[in-house]
Protein backbone atom coordinates (compact mmCIF):
# COMPACT_ATOMS: atom_id res chain seq x y z
CA MET A 1 -0.32 17.61 6.18
CA SER A 2 -2.37 15.06 5.48
CA VAL A 3 -6.31 15.79 4.87
CA PRO A 4 -8.72 13.72 6.84
CA HIS A 5 -10.78 11.02 5.01
CA PRO A 6 -14.24 12.46 4.24
CA GLY A 7 -16.19 10.18 7.20
CA GLY A 8 -17.65 6.62 7.06
CA ASP A 9 -16.61 3.74 8.85
CA PRO A 10 -13.93 1.48 6.79
CA ASN A 11 -15.69 -1.26 5.97
CA ALA A 12 -14.59 -4.57 7.98
CA ASN A 13 -16.09 -7.13 4.87
CA LEU A 14 -14.46 -5.14 2.56
CA TYR A 15 -11.16 -6.06 4.13
CA ALA A 16 -11.92 -9.31 4.56
CA GLN A 17 -12.12 -9.61 0.99
CA LEU A 18 -9.15 -7.30 0.45
CA LYS A 19 -7.46 -10.14 2.45
CA ARG A 20 -8.69 -13.68 0.59
CA ASP A 21 -9.14 -11.93 -2.72
CA VAL A 22 -5.34 -10.53 -2.85
CA LEU A 23 -3.21 -10.65 0.08
CA ASP A 24 -3.28 -14.72 0.73
CA ARG A 25 -2.06 -15.14 -2.52
CA VAL A 26 0.72 -13.15 -2.56
CA PRO A 27 3.51 -15.65 -1.19
CA GLN A 28 5.67 -12.86 -0.26
CA ILE A 29 3.26 -11.93 2.29
CA THR A 30 3.30 -14.46 5.48
CA ALA A 31 1.07 -13.04 8.25
CA ILE A 32 -2.12 -10.17 7.76
CA GLU A 33 -3.57 -8.42 10.76
CA TYR A 34 -6.66 -6.37 11.13
CA VAL A 35 -5.98 -3.15 13.16
CA PRO A 36 -6.87 -3.11 15.86
CA ASP A 37 -8.57 -5.93 15.70
CA ASP A 38 -11.20 -8.22 13.12
CA ILE A 39 -14.29 -7.44 14.60
CA GLU A 40 -13.72 -3.22 14.23
CA ALA A 41 -10.82 -3.18 11.08
CA LYS A 42 -9.58 0.38 10.62
CA GLN A 43 -7.29 -1.21 8.89
CA LEU A 44 -5.60 -4.43 7.47
CA ARG A 45 -1.13 -4.53 7.75
CA ALA A 46 0.14 -7.00 5.91
CA ILE A 47 3.79 -8.36 6.81
CA PHE A 48 6.55 -9.56 4.21
CA ASP A 49 8.76 -12.07 4.38
CA PRO A 50 12.10 -10.16 4.04
CA THR A 51 14.28 -13.21 2.57
CA LEU A 52 11.51 -14.21 -0.25
CA LEU A 53 11.22 -10.42 -1.63
CA ASP A 54 13.78 -9.94 -4.79
CA PRO A 55 15.73 -8.29 -3.62
CA PRO A 56 15.98 -9.48 -0.03
CA THR A 57 15.83 -6.92 2.63
CA GLY A 58 16.29 -7.80 6.22
CA PRO A 59 16.31 -8.46 8.82
CA GLU A 60 13.20 -6.18 9.73
CA SER A 61 9.27 -7.43 8.12
CA PRO A 62 8.22 -4.46 5.31
CA GLU A 63 5.31 -3.97 5.86
CA LEU A 64 1.64 -2.85 3.58
CA THR A 65 -0.71 -0.95 5.54
CA ILE A 66 -4.13 -0.53 4.34
CA LYS A 67 -6.96 2.29 4.98
CA TRP A 68 -9.40 2.29 2.62
CA TYR A 69 -13.12 4.07 2.52
CA ARG A 70 -15.48 3.12 0.53
CA GLN A 71 -17.74 6.13 -0.50
CA ASP A 72 -19.39 8.03 -3.43
CA PRO A 73 -18.36 8.27 -6.07
CA HIS A 74 -14.69 7.42 -5.07
CA ASP A 75 -13.47 5.71 -2.91
CA TRP A 76 -10.88 6.76 -0.21
CA PHE A 77 -7.40 4.75 0.49
CA ARG A 78 -4.18 5.34 1.62
CA ILE A 79 -1.34 1.98 0.85
CA ASN A 80 1.90 2.17 2.00
CA TYR A 81 4.64 0.22 1.95
CA THR A 82 7.29 0.82 4.58
CA ASP A 83 10.60 -1.43 4.96
CA PRO A 84 12.31 -0.42 8.24
CA ASN A 85 16.14 -1.50 7.05
CA THR A 86 16.56 0.53 4.70
CA GLY A 87 13.86 3.74 5.31
CA PHE A 88 12.11 2.89 2.16
CA HIS A 89 8.81 4.43 2.07
CA ALA A 90 5.63 3.79 -1.00
CA GLY A 91 2.43 4.92 -0.86
CA TRP A 92 -0.43 4.68 -3.64
CA HIS A 93 -3.32 7.43 -1.75
CA GLN A 94 -6.63 8.45 -3.42
CA ASP A 95 -7.61 11.23 -1.22
CA GLU A 96 -7.80 14.65 -1.46
CA ASP A 97 -3.81 15.42 -0.23
CA HIS A 98 -2.48 16.55 -3.73
CA PRO A 99 -5.23 17.78 -5.76
CA ASP A 100 -3.20 19.19 -8.68
CA LEU A 101 -1.82 15.60 -8.98
CA GLY A 102 -5.72 14.13 -9.85
CA ARG A 103 -7.91 11.56 -8.12
CA ALA A 104 -4.75 9.87 -6.78
CA HIS A 105 -1.41 9.85 -6.24
CA PHE A 106 1.79 7.64 -6.05
CA GLN A 107 4.69 8.80 -3.71
CA TYR A 108 7.93 7.43 -2.38
CA ALA A 109 11.15 8.34 0.10
CA ALA A 110 14.47 6.56 -0.13
CA ALA A 111 17.55 7.49 1.31
CA GLU A 112 18.23 11.23 -0.73
CA GLU A 113 15.36 11.06 -2.92
CA ASP A 114 11.05 11.43 -2.89
CA ASP A 115 9.14 12.18 -5.70
CA ARG A 116 5.12 11.98 -6.26
CA TRP A 117 2.52 11.66 -9.81
CA GLY A 118 -0.38 11.20 -10.35
CA ILE A 119 -1.64 7.98 -10.88
CA THR A 120 -4.69 5.69 -12.77
CA PHE A 121 -5.52 2.10 -12.22
CA GLU A 122 -6.86 -0.32 -14.70
CA HIS A 123 -9.74 -1.43 -12.99
CA GLY A 124 -12.03 0.31 -10.21
CA THR A 125 -12.86 -2.54 -8.07
CA PRO A 126 -10.90 -2.25 -4.82
CA SER A 127 -9.19 -5.94 -4.95
CA LEU A 128 -8.87 -5.68 -8.56
CA ILE A 129 -6.89 -2.24 -7.29
CA LEU A 130 -5.24 -3.50 -4.36
CA TRP A 131 -3.50 -6.58 -6.51
CA GLU A 132 -2.31 -3.83 -9.51
CA ILE A 133 -0.58 -1.93 -6.35
CA VAL A 134 1.38 -5.13 -5.03
CA GLU A 135 2.29 -6.44 -8.61
CA ASP A 136 3.60 -3.04 -9.28
CA LEU A 137 5.15 -2.48 -5.72
CA LEU A 138 6.58 -5.98 -6.16
CA GLN A 139 8.04 -5.89 -9.77
CA GLU A 140 8.78 -2.23 -10.15
CA ILE A 141 8.40 0.34 -7.28
CA ARG A 142 10.78 -1.70 -4.98
CA PRO A 143 13.66 -2.60 -7.89
CA THR A 144 13.47 0.67 -9.89
CA TYR A 145 12.92 3.13 -6.50
CA GLN A 146 14.30 1.31 -3.00
CA TYR A 147 17.51 0.60 -4.83
CA ALA A 148 17.86 3.45 -7.47
CA ASN A 149 21.20 3.71 -5.99
CA GLY A 150 22.08 0.12 -6.87
CA GLU A 151 22.69 -1.57 -3.19
CA PRO A 152 20.01 -4.01 -2.11
């Protein structure tokens, strides 16, 4: 069961910043949506072009969803990648779900395996954290865990 965020509203200005500073700069992302809309903006959804990913996937478009709450002393966030073509899921969470893993953790689920472990980020600002996550997703996570059995 997921622990709810500790309170506060998502910051629509933060989502605009994450969109501009990170998501708009990722060539594999072809669309970015505010959910439910740009006024309420409770989360961001980035849609990947399945043919631009390496290795390609498809025909359906994978998604990255971002839910981020600014708060002291540490922000609460959940960033989740899902590929509907393979059933692969990866998540970077800074929440209270797994206190034994530290403040933040990574988790994934693919075919017959799943795992989670504690992580730390090199940077502390939301845009740079998201940039780290997107780079990790594209360069390490998808190739290593989504296709661990060698089949793209």
